[in-house]
C-alpha atoms as a PDB file:
ATOM      1  CA  UNK A   1     -12.003  -8.175  -6.382  1.00  0.00           C
ATOM      2  CA  UNK A   2      -8.522  -9.355  -8.185  1.00  0.00           C
ATOM      3  CA  UNK A   3      -8.152 -11.698 -10.421  1.00  0.00           C
ATOM      4  CA  UNK A   4      -8.076 -15.056  -9.698  1.00  0.00           C
ATOM      5  CA  UNK A   5      -9.809 -14.743  -6.074  1.00  0.00           C
ATOM      6  CA  UNK A   6     -12.160 -16.985  -4.945  1.00  0.00           C
ATOM      7  CA  UNK A   7     -15.109 -15.197  -3.470  1.00  0.00           C
ATOM      8  CA  UNK A   8     -15.660 -17.713  -1.354  1.00  0.00           C
ATOM      9  CA  UNK A   9     -12.566 -17.405   0.641  1.00  0.00           C
ATOM     10  CA  UNK A  10     -10.789 -14.777   3.012  1.00  0.00           C
ATOM     11  CA  UNK A  11      -8.848 -12.450   1.656  1.00  0.00           C
ATOM     12  CA  UNK A  12      -5.009 -13.600   2.701  1.00  0.00           C
ATOM     13  CA  UNK A  13      -2.542 -10.550   3.543  1.00  0.00           C
ATOM     14  CA  UNK A  14       1.108 -11.146   5.408  1.00  0.00           C
ATOM     15  CA  UNK A  15       2.206  -8.110   7.158  1.00  0.00           C
ATOM     16  CA  UNK A  16       5.835  -8.368   6.512  1.00  0.00           C
ATOM     17  CA  UNK A  17       9.070  -6.664   7.015  1.00  0.00           C
ATOM     18  CA  UNK A  18      12.601  -8.156   7.533  1.00  0.00           C
ATOM     19  CA  UNK A  19      13.686  -5.469   9.672  1.00  0.00           C
ATOM     20  CA  UNK A  20      12.534  -5.087  13.290  1.00  0.00           C
ATOM     21  CA  UNK A  21      10.921  -2.372  15.364  1.00  0.00           C
ATOM     22  CA  UNK A  22       8.698  -1.229  12.148  1.00  0.00           C
ATOM     23  CA  UNK A  23       5.700  -1.539  13.537  1.00  0.00           C
ATOM     24  CA  UNK A  24       4.648  -4.885  12.362  1.00  0.00           C
ATOM     25  CA  UNK A  25       3.062  -6.504  15.322  1.00  0.00           C
ATOM     26  CA  UNK A  26       1.153  -3.440  15.743  1.00  0.00           C
ATOM     27  CA  UNK A  27       0.015  -3.108  12.332  1.00  0.00           C
ATOM     28  CA  UNK A  28      -1.471  -7.002  12.070  1.00  0.00           C
ATOM     29  CA  UNK A  29      -3.116  -6.277  15.556  1.00  0.00           C
ATOM     30  CA  UNK A  30      -4.396  -2.855  15.141  1.00  0.00           C
ATOM     31  CA  UNK A  31      -5.689  -3.252  11.595  1.00  0.00           C
ATOM     32  CA  UNK A  32      -7.288  -6.565  12.323  1.00  0.00           C
ATOM     33  CA  UNK A  33      -9.387  -5.386  15.356  1.00  0.00           C
ATOM     34  CA  UNK A  34     -10.374  -1.884  12.816  1.00  0.00           C
ATOM     35  CA  UNK A  35     -11.529  -4.465  10.278  1.00  0.00           C
ATOM     36  CA  UNK A  36     -13.427  -6.089  12.983  1.00  0.00           C
ATOM     37  CA  UNK A  37     -15.060  -2.860  14.073  1.00  0.00           C
ATOM     38  CA  UNK A  38     -16.892  -2.387  10.986  1.00  0.00           C
ATOM     39  CA  UNK A  39     -17.875  -6.172  10.954  1.00  0.00           C
ATOM     40  CA  UNK A  40     -15.258  -7.827   8.965  1.00  0.00           C
ATOM     41  CA  UNK A  41     -14.753 -11.315  10.567  1.00  0.00           C
ATOM     42  CA  UNK A  42     -10.942 -11.955  10.773  1.00  0.00           C
ATOM     43  CA  UNK A  43      -8.380 -14.313  11.726  1.00  0.00           C
ATOM     44  CA  UNK A  44      -4.258 -12.886  12.556  1.00  0.00           C
ATOM     45  CA  UNK A  45      -2.315 -15.665  12.398  1.00  0.00           C
ATOM     46  CA  UNK A  46       0.946 -15.098  14.764  1.00  0.00           C
ATOM     47  CA  UNK A  47       3.698 -16.151  12.274  1.00  0.00           C
ATOM     48  CA  UNK A  48       6.660 -15.041  14.885  1.00  0.00           C
ATOM     49  CA  UNK A  49       8.130 -16.815  17.492  1.00  0.00           C
ATOM     50  CA  UNK A  50       8.023 -14.124  19.772  1.00  0.00           C
ATOM     51  CA  UNK A  51       4.649 -14.493  19.751  1.00  0.00           C
ATOM     52  CA  UNK A  52       4.024 -10.505  20.292  1.00  0.00           C
ATOM     53  CA  UNK A  53       0.876 -10.491  18.286  1.00  0.00           C
ATOM     54  CA  UNK A  54      -0.582 -13.332  20.846  1.00  0.00           C
ATOM     55  CA  UNK A  55       0.360 -11.557  23.889  1.00  0.00           C
ATOM     56  CA  UNK A  56      -1.193  -7.790  22.927  1.00  0.00           C
ATOM     57  CA  UNK A  57      -4.578  -9.997  22.337  1.00  0.00           C
ATOM     58  CA  UNK A  58      -4.193 -10.931  25.454  1.00  0.00           C
ATOM     59  CA  UNK A  59      -3.341 -14.855  25.408  1.00  0.00           C
ATOM     60  CA  UNK A  60      -0.916 -15.365  27.578  1.00  0.00           C
ATOM     61  CA  UNK A  61       1.917 -17.996  26.817  1.00  0.00           C
ATOM     62  CA  UNK A  62       0.194 -20.923  29.418  1.00  0.00           C
ATOM     63  CA  UNK A  63      -2.757 -20.643  27.681  1.00  0.00           C
ATOM     64  CA  UNK A  64      -2.255 -21.238  23.753  1.00  0.00           C
ATOM     65  CA  UNK A  65      -2.206 -24.782  24.121  1.00  0.00           C
ATOM     66  CA  UNK A  66      -2.336 -25.570  20.287  1.00  0.00           C
ATOM     67  CA  UNK A  67      -0.439 -22.811  17.707  1.00  0.00           C
ATOM     68  CA  UNK A  68       0.678 -22.112  14.308  1.00  0.00           C
ATOM     69  CA  UNK A  69       3.316 -24.334  14.659  1.00  0.00           C
ATOM     70  CA  UNK A  70       0.730 -27.345  14.937  1.00  0.00           C
ATOM     71  CA  UNK A  71      -1.080 -26.163  12.338  1.00  0.00           C
ATOM     72  CA  UNK A  72       1.792 -26.020   9.754  1.00  0.00           C
ATOM     73  CA  UNK A  73       3.029 -29.331  10.953  1.00  0.00           C
ATOM     74  CA  UNK A  74      -0.453 -31.111  10.214  1.00  0.00           C
ATOM     75  CA  UNK A  75      -0.614 -32.275  13.489  1.00  0.00           C
ATOM     76  CA  UNK A  76      -4.257 -30.084  14.515  1.00  0.00           C
ATOM     77  CA  UNK A  77      -6.378 -28.777  12.130  1.00  0.00           C
ATOM     78  CA  UNK A  78      -7.598 -25.023  12.458  1.00  0.00           C
ATOM     79  CA  UNK A  79     -10.644 -25.453  14.509  1.00  0.00           C
ATOM     80  CA  UNK A  80      -8.577 -26.905  16.963  1.00  0.00           C
ATOM     81  CA  UNK A  81      -5.552 -24.142  16.803  1.00  0.00           C
ATOM     82  CA  UNK A  82      -7.898 -20.638  16.466  1.00  0.00           C
ATOM     83  CA  UNK A  83      -9.671 -18.815  19.113  1.00  0.00           C
ATOM     84  CA  UNK A  84     -11.657 -16.275  20.006  1.00  0.00           C
ATOM     85  CA  UNK A  85     -10.002 -12.453  21.292  1.00  0.00           C
ATOM     86  CA  UNK A  86     -11.384 -10.188  23.214  1.00  0.00           C
ATOM     87  CA  UNK A  87     -11.931  -8.202  19.794  1.00  0.00           C
ATOM     88  CA  UNK A  88     -15.664  -9.092  18.703  1.00  0.00           C
ATOM     89  CA  UNK A  89     -15.191 -10.673  14.959  1.00  0.00           C
ATOM     90  CA  UNK A  90     -11.077 -11.246  15.328  1.00  0.00           C
ATOM     91  CA  UNK A  91      -9.951 -14.623  16.412  1.00  0.00           C
ATOM     92  CA  UNK A  92      -6.455 -15.521  16.487  1.00  0.00           C
ATOM     93  CA  UNK A  93      -4.158 -18.467  15.779  1.00  0.00           C
ATOM     94  CA  UNK A  94      -1.644 -18.050  18.703  1.00  0.00           C
ATOM     95  CA  UNK A  95       2.427 -18.685  18.461  1.00  0.00           C
ATOM     96  CA  UNK A  96       4.865 -19.925  20.782  1.00  0.00           C
ATOM     97  CA  UNK A  97       9.053 -20.214  20.602  1.00  0.00           C
ATOM     98  CA  UNK A  98       8.543 -23.463  18.908  1.00  0.00           C
ATOM     99  CA  UNK A  99       8.430 -22.043  15.664  1.00  0.00           C
ATOM    100  CA  UNK A 100      12.467 -20.539  16.053  1.00  0.00           C
ATOM    101  CA  UNK A 101      12.624 -24.103  14.710  1.00  0.00           C
ATOM    102  CA  UNK A 102      10.826 -23.922  11.671  1.00  0.00           C
ATOM    103  CA  UNK A 103      14.115 -23.631   9.675  1.00  0.00           C
ATOM    104  CA  UNK A 104      15.508 -26.663  10.952  1.00  0.00           C
ATOM    105  CA  UNK A 105      12.289 -28.761  11.883  1.00  0.00           C
ATOM    106  CA  UNK A 106      11.288 -28.644   7.740  1.00  0.00           C
ATOM    107  CA  UNK A 107      14.467 -28.506   6.312  1.00  0.00           C
ATOM    108  CA  UNK A 108      13.912 -32.193   4.156  1.00  0.00           C
ATOM    109  CA  UNK A 109       9.831 -31.745   3.608  1.00  0.00           C
ATOM    110  CA  UNK A 110       9.784 -31.009   0.354  1.00  0.00           C
ATOM    111  CA  UNK A 111       6.725 -29.229   0.378  1.00  0.00           C
ATOM    112  CA  UNK A 112       7.960 -27.148   3.113  1.00  0.00           C
ATOM    113  CA  UNK A 113       7.543 -23.883   1.602  1.00  0.00           C
ATOM    114  CA  UNK A 114       3.713 -24.708   1.449  1.00  0.00           C
ATOM    115  CA  UNK A 115       2.930 -25.529   4.190  1.00  0.00           C
ATOM    116  CA  UNK A 116       1.053 -22.371   5.772  1.00  0.00           C
ATOM    117  CA  UNK A 117      -0.846 -22.626   2.291  1.00  0.00           C
ATOM    118  CA  UNK A 118      -2.125 -26.269   2.935  1.00  0.00           C
ATOM    119  CA  UNK A 119      -3.371 -24.999   6.354  1.00  0.00           C
ATOM    120  CA  UNK A 120      -5.253 -21.683   5.255  1.00  0.00           C
ATOM    121  CA  UNK A 121      -6.521 -22.342   1.694  1.00  0.00           C
ATOM    122  CA  UNK A 122      -9.032 -25.000   2.282  1.00  0.00           C
ATOM    123  CA  UNK A 123     -12.502 -26.136   2.467  1.00  0.00           C
ATOM    124  CA  UNK A 124     -12.288 -26.073   6.559  1.00  0.00           C
ATOM    125  CA  UNK A 125     -11.068 -22.418   6.928  1.00  0.00           C
ATOM    126  CA  UNK A 126     -13.721 -21.309   4.355  1.00  0.00           C
ATOM    127  CA  UNK A 127     -16.725 -22.727   6.536  1.00  0.00           C
ATOM    128  CA  UNK A 128     -15.355 -20.749   9.265  1.00  0.00           C
ATOM    129  CA  UNK A 129     -16.512 -17.648   6.909  1.00  0.00           C
ATOM    130  CA  UNK A 130     -13.353 -15.201   7.594  1.00  0.00           C
ATOM    131  CA  UNK A 131     -13.797 -12.306   5.339  1.00  0.00           C
ATOM    132  CA  UNK A 132      -9.828 -11.767   5.572  1.00  0.00           C
ATOM    133  CA  UNK A 133      -6.585 -13.494   7.246  1.00  0.00           C
ATOM    134  CA  UNK A 134      -3.985 -11.558   8.365  1.00  0.00           C
ATOM    135  CA  UNK A 135      -0.439 -13.046   8.983  1.00  0.00           C
ATOM    136  CA  UNK A 136       1.898 -11.426  11.308  1.00  0.00           C
ATOM    137  CA  UNK A 137       5.559 -12.731  10.011  1.00  0.00           C
ATOM    138  CA  UNK A 138       8.825 -12.555  11.978  1.00  0.00           C
ATOM    139  CA  UNK A 139      11.436  -9.829  11.157  1.00  0.00           C
ATOM    140  CA  UNK A 140      13.173 -11.837   8.871  1.00  0.00           C
ATOM    141  CA  UNK A 141      13.306 -13.277   5.639  1.00  0.00           C
ATOM    142  CA  UNK A 142      12.672 -16.858   6.408  1.00  0.00           C
ATOM    143  CA  UNK A 143      11.045 -20.119   5.530  1.00  0.00           C
ATOM    144  CA  UNK A 144       8.312 -18.423   7.720  1.00  0.00           C
ATOM    145  CA  UNK A 145       7.908 -15.667   6.067  1.00  0.00           C
ATOM    146  CA  UNK A 146       8.277 -17.288   2.554  1.00  0.00           C
ATOM    147  CA  UNK A 147       5.458 -20.109   3.778  1.00  0.00           C
ATOM    148  CA  UNK A 148       3.384 -16.734   4.864  1.00  0.00           C
ATOM    149  CA  UNK A 149       4.030 -15.050   1.300  1.00  0.00           C
ATOM    150  CA  UNK A 150       3.249 -18.536  -0.551  1.00  0.00           C
ATOM    151  CA  UNK A 151       0.126 -18.778   1.226  1.00  0.00           C
ATOM    152  CA  UNK A 152      -1.180 -15.041   0.846  1.00  0.00           C
ATOM    153  CA  UNK A 153      -3.043 -13.136  -1.913  1.00  0.00           C
ATOM    154  CA  UNK A 154      -0.818 -10.000  -1.105  1.00  0.00           C
ATOM    155  CA  UNK A 155       1.969  -8.485   1.325  1.00  0.00           C
ATOM    156  CA  UNK A 156       1.547  -5.037   3.159  1.00  0.00           C
ATOM    157  CA  UNK A 157       4.800  -3.617   4.303  1.00  0.00           C
ATOM    158  CA  UNK A 158       5.062  -1.389   7.392  1.00  0.00           C
ATOM    159  CA  UNK A 159       7.764   1.082   6.563  1.00  0.00           C
ATOM    160  CA  UNK A 160       9.457   3.014   9.648  1.00  0.00           C
ATOM    161  CA  UNK A 161      10.063   6.812   8.694  1.00  0.00           C
ATOM    162  CA  UNK A 162      13.279   6.813   9.291  1.00  0.00           C
ATOM    163  CA  UNK A 163      16.792   6.918   7.790  1.00  0.00           C
ATOM    164  CA  UNK A 164      18.242   4.157   5.643  1.00  0.00           C
ATOM    165  CA  UNK A 165      14.421   2.799   5.650  1.00  0.00           C
ATOM    166  CA  UNK A 166      14.130   2.401   1.731  1.00  0.00           C
ATOM    167  CA  UNK A 167      17.545   0.317   1.496  1.00  0.00           C
ATOM    168  CA  UNK A 168      16.355  -2.365   3.953  1.00  0.00           C
ATOM    169  CA  UNK A 169      12.975  -2.737   1.741  1.00  0.00           C
ATOM    170  CA  UNK A 170      14.308  -3.571  -1.671  1.00  0.00           C
ATOM    171  CA  UNK A 171      15.273  -7.085  -0.254  1.00  0.00           C
ATOM    172  CA  UNK A 172      11.896  -7.606   0.445  1.00  0.00           C
ATOM    173  CA  UNK A 173      10.246  -6.543  -2.713  1.00  0.00           C
ATOM    174  CA  UNK A 174      12.943  -9.227  -3.994  1.00  0.00           C
ATOM    175  CA  UNK A 175      11.593 -11.808  -2.001  1.00  0.00           C
ATOM    176  CA  UNK A 176       8.119 -11.129  -3.103  1.00  0.00           C
ATOM    177  CA  UNK A 177       9.476 -10.941  -6.696  1.00  0.00           C
ATOM    178  CA  UNK A 178      10.929 -14.334  -6.404  1.00  0.00           C
ATOM    179  CA  UNK A 179       8.020 -15.670  -4.920  1.00  0.00           C
ATOM    180  CA  UNK A 180       6.104 -14.529  -7.345  1.00  0.00           C
ATOM    181  CA  UNK A 181       7.855 -16.010  -9.628  1.00  0.00           C
ATOM    182  CA  UNK A 182       8.457 -19.566  -8.684  1.00  0.00           C
ATOM    183  CA  UNK A 183       5.226 -20.738  -6.406  1.00  0.00           C
ATOM    184  CA  UNK A 184       2.670 -18.337  -5.835  1.00  0.00           C
ATOM    185  CA  UNK A 185       2.308 -15.842  -9.593  1.00  0.00           C
ATOM    186  CA  UNK A 186      -0.722 -14.357  -8.153  1.00  0.00           C
ATOM    187  CA  UNK A 187       1.170 -12.658  -5.271  1.00  0.00           C
ATOM    188  CA  UNK A 188       1.347  -8.906  -5.278  1.00  0.00           C
ATOM    189  CA  UNK A 189       2.231  -6.010  -2.627  1.00  0.00           C
ATOM    190  CA  UNK A 190      -0.902  -4.789  -0.938  1.00  0.00           C
ATOM    191  CA  UNK A 191       0.389  -1.542  -0.292  1.00  0.00           C
ATOM    192  CA  UNK A 192       3.336   0.123   2.082  1.00  0.00           C
ATOM    193  CA  UNK A 193       2.228   1.842   5.039  1.00  0.00           C
ATOM    194  CA  UNK A 194       4.596   4.576   6.529  1.00  0.00           C
ATOM    195  CA  UNK A 195       4.713   4.182  10.864  1.00  0.00           C
ATOM    196  CA  UNK A 196       5.768   5.995  13.487  1.00  0.00           C
ATOM    197  CA  UNK A 197       5.749   9.194  11.759  1.00  0.00           C
ATOM    198  CA  UNK A 198       6.444  12.776  13.438  1.00  0.00           C
ATOM    199  CA  UNK A 199       5.192  15.424  10.982  1.00  0.00           C
ATOM    200  CA  UNK A 200       7.412  17.950  13.213  1.00  0.00           C
ATOM    201  CA  UNK A 201      11.023  15.983  12.089  1.00  0.00           C
ATOM    202  CA  UNK A 202      12.054  16.566   9.099  1.00  0.00           C
ATOM    203  CA  UNK A 203      13.464  12.888   8.323  1.00  0.00           C
ATOM    204  CA  UNK A 204       9.924  11.645   8.824  1.00  0.00           C
ATOM    205  CA  UNK A 205       9.087  13.812   5.792  1.00  0.00           C
ATOM    206  CA  UNK A 206      11.957  13.349   3.938  1.00  0.00           C
ATOM    207  CA  UNK A 207      10.945   9.239   4.119  1.00  0.00           C
ATOM    208  CA  UNK A 208       7.380  10.115   3.065  1.00  0.00           C
ATOM    209  CA  UNK A 209       8.474  12.000  -0.148  1.00  0.00           C
ATOM    210  CA  UNK A 210      11.489   9.801  -1.051  1.00  0.00           C
ATOM    211  CA  UNK A 211       8.636   6.360  -0.352  1.00  0.00           C
ATOM    212  CA  UNK A 212       6.164   7.867  -2.740  1.00  0.00           C
ATOM    213  CA  UNK A 213       8.498   8.767  -5.360  1.00  0.00           C
ATOM    214  CA  UNK A 214      10.237   5.269  -5.722  1.00  0.00           C
ATOM    215  CA  UNK A 215       7.171   3.826  -5.459  1.00  0.00           C
ATOM    216  CA  UNK A 216       3.989   5.567  -6.330  1.00  0.00           C
ATOM    217  CA  UNK A 217       0.501   4.624  -5.461  1.00  0.00           C
ATOM    218  CA  UNK A 218       1.859   1.805  -3.959  1.00  0.00           C
ATOM    219  CA  UNK A 219       2.396   3.828  -0.597  1.00  0.00           C
ATOM    220  CA  UNK A 220      -0.731   3.895   1.134  1.00  0.00           C
ATOM    221  CA  UNK A 221      -2.197   7.284   1.991  1.00  0.00           C
ATOM    222  CA  UNK A 222      -3.148   6.596   5.197  1.00  0.00           C
ATOM    223  CA  UNK A 223      -0.017   7.243   8.150  1.00  0.00           C
ATOM    224  CA  UNK A 224       0.496   5.885  11.322  1.00  0.00           C
ATOM    225  CA  UNK A 225       1.723   8.523  13.937  1.00  0.00           C
ATOM    226  CA  UNK A 226       4.251   8.123  16.446  1.00  0.00           C
ATOM    227  CA  UNK A 227       1.494   8.210  19.496  1.00  0.00           C
ATOM    228  CA  UNK A 228       2.053   7.385  22.787  1.00  0.00           C
ATOM    229  CA  UNK A 229      -1.211   5.522  23.193  1.00  0.00           C
ATOM    230  CA  UNK A 230      -0.461   2.798  20.006  1.00  0.00           C
ATOM    231  CA  UNK A 231       3.230   2.363  22.629  1.00  0.00           C
ATOM    232  CA  UNK A 232       1.163   1.653  25.954  1.00  0.00           C
ATOM    233  CA  UNK A 233      -1.975  -0.235  24.191  1.00  0.00           C
ATOM    234  CA  UNK A 234       0.183  -3.981  24.340  1.00  0.00           C
ATOM    235  CA  UNK A 235       0.986  -3.537  27.736  1.00  0.00           C
ATOM    236  CA  UNK A 236      -2.411  -3.365  28.651  1.00  0.00           C
ATOM    237  CA  UNK A 237      -3.356  -6.147  26.034  1.00  0.00           C
ATOM    238  CA  UNK A 238      -5.406  -4.682  23.799  1.00  0.00           C
ATOM    239  CA  UNK A 239      -5.180  -3.517  20.038  1.00  0.00           C
ATOM    240  CA  UNK A 240      -4.911   0.637  20.339  1.00  0.00           C
ATOM    241  CA  UNK A 241      -8.527   0.904  19.577  1.00  0.00           C
ATOM    242  CA  UNK A 242      -9.722  -0.681  22.738  1.00  0.00           C
ATOM    243  CA  UNK A 243      -7.425   0.978  24.486  1.00  0.00           C
ATOM    244  CA  UNK A 244      -8.158   4.360  23.580  1.00  0.00           C
ATOM    245  CA  UNK A 245     -10.498   4.408  21.162  1.00  0.00           C
ATOM    246  CA  UNK A 246     -10.442   8.450  20.002  1.00  0.00           C
ATOM    247  CA  UNK A 247      -6.582   8.317  20.083  1.00  0.00           C
ATOM    248  CA  UNK A 248      -4.789   9.648  16.756  1.00  0.00           C
ATOM    249  CA  UNK A 249      -3.651   5.888  16.758  1.00  0.00           C
ATOM    250  CA  UNK A 250      -6.883   4.372  16.511  1.00  0.00           C
ATOM    251  CA  UNK A 251      -7.769   7.100  13.689  1.00  0.00           C
ATOM    252  CA  UNK A 252      -5.208   5.894  11.374  1.00  0.00           C
ATOM    253  CA  UNK A 253      -5.887   2.227  11.697  1.00  0.00           C
ATOM    254  CA  UNK A 254      -9.380   3.144  10.753  1.00  0.00           C
ATOM    255  CA  UNK A 255      -8.600   5.253   7.916  1.00  0.00           C
ATOM    256  CA  UNK A 256      -6.145   2.551   6.890  1.00  0.00           C
ATOM    257  CA  UNK A 257      -8.870  -0.342   6.992  1.00  0.00           C
ATOM    258  CA  UNK A 258     -11.336   1.611   4.983  1.00  0.00           C
ATOM    259  CA  UNK A 259      -8.251   2.597   2.539  1.00  0.00           C
ATOM    260  CA  UNK A 260      -7.945  -1.011   2.798  1.00  0.00           C
ATOM    261  CA  UNK A 261     -11.158  -2.137   1.831  1.00  0.00           C
ATOM    262  CA  UNK A 262     -11.445   0.165  -1.188  1.00  0.00           C
ATOM    263  CA  UNK A 263      -8.159  -1.126  -2.657  1.00  0.00           C
ATOM    264  CA  UNK A 264     -10.215  -5.165  -2.712  1.00  0.00           C
ATOM    265  CA  UNK A 265     -13.531  -3.285  -5.085  1.00  0.00           C
ATOM    266  CA  UNK A 266     -13.118  -4.469  -8.472  1.00  0.00           C
ATOM    267  CA  UNK A 267     -12.545  -0.587  -9.962  1.00  0.00           C
ATOM    268  CA  UNK A 268      -9.239  -0.576  -7.865  1.00  0.00           C
ATOM    269  CA  UNK A 269      -8.220  -3.478  -6.139  1.00  0.00           C
ATOM    270  CA  UNK A 270      -5.171  -3.227  -5.123  1.00  0.00           C
ATOM    271  CA  UNK A 271      -2.149  -2.155  -7.090  1.00  0.00           C
ATOM    272  CA  UNK A 272       0.414  -4.348  -8.986  1.00  0.00           C
ATOM    273  CA  UNK A 273       3.974  -4.851  -8.030  1.00  0.00           C
ATOM    274  CA  UNK A 274       6.150  -2.226  -9.572  1.00  0.00           C
ATOM    275  CA  UNK A 275       9.327  -4.040 -11.010  1.00  0.00           C
END
């Protein structure tokens, strides 16, 4: 267990990348489902105004009621916001477009960067017995993403296997360092996950080579392949592990969950952020 982490509270991981279309929400949903599948109790916090994680877990817009926005405002406690999903062991804090005004709504709040930390790191959360809280961040380095990093123990970064992938990563890593230096001194990079990987494509292999050369052990051994079942699953409001349990995408997210758990072990609990 990493230094400074209370054994009684859940491990909080922000899934973040300011670039859209990299498999961020897909990773948040399916990693959460894979952890739940092996008996972990997981809360997925949808912090993206698009609400795709909520839709992908089968919670329609008119069913969302209290949301993550109410949690940030302090208008509703966790008990009134979260709800069970169709996946046993997986709970959701849903999102709506209300979150899109967060930067404006909270700008005058002197505690604006710690609103999510206040909501997720308290005794009320501990009583739920969650093992993990995953935060699906918006595709931007906004106040919402900063809130996620302040609340989190670590950041998991999905990285699409495409040209210029690593260039967009530098700003995210800089933001993590700034948050670590100023507010959340224990924040670290959980790992970088290569997504939408096509082994038949030389570009994918070049991106993997560059990522491992530049980031070393921060890059997960697990690689998520480009897989049609992963792409289809959200339209059925299911994680791919439920939509097609034997697909290559499902297998990849199960491997990722196993690798993540191994990184939590005391002898090799995660990787320190490289500078």
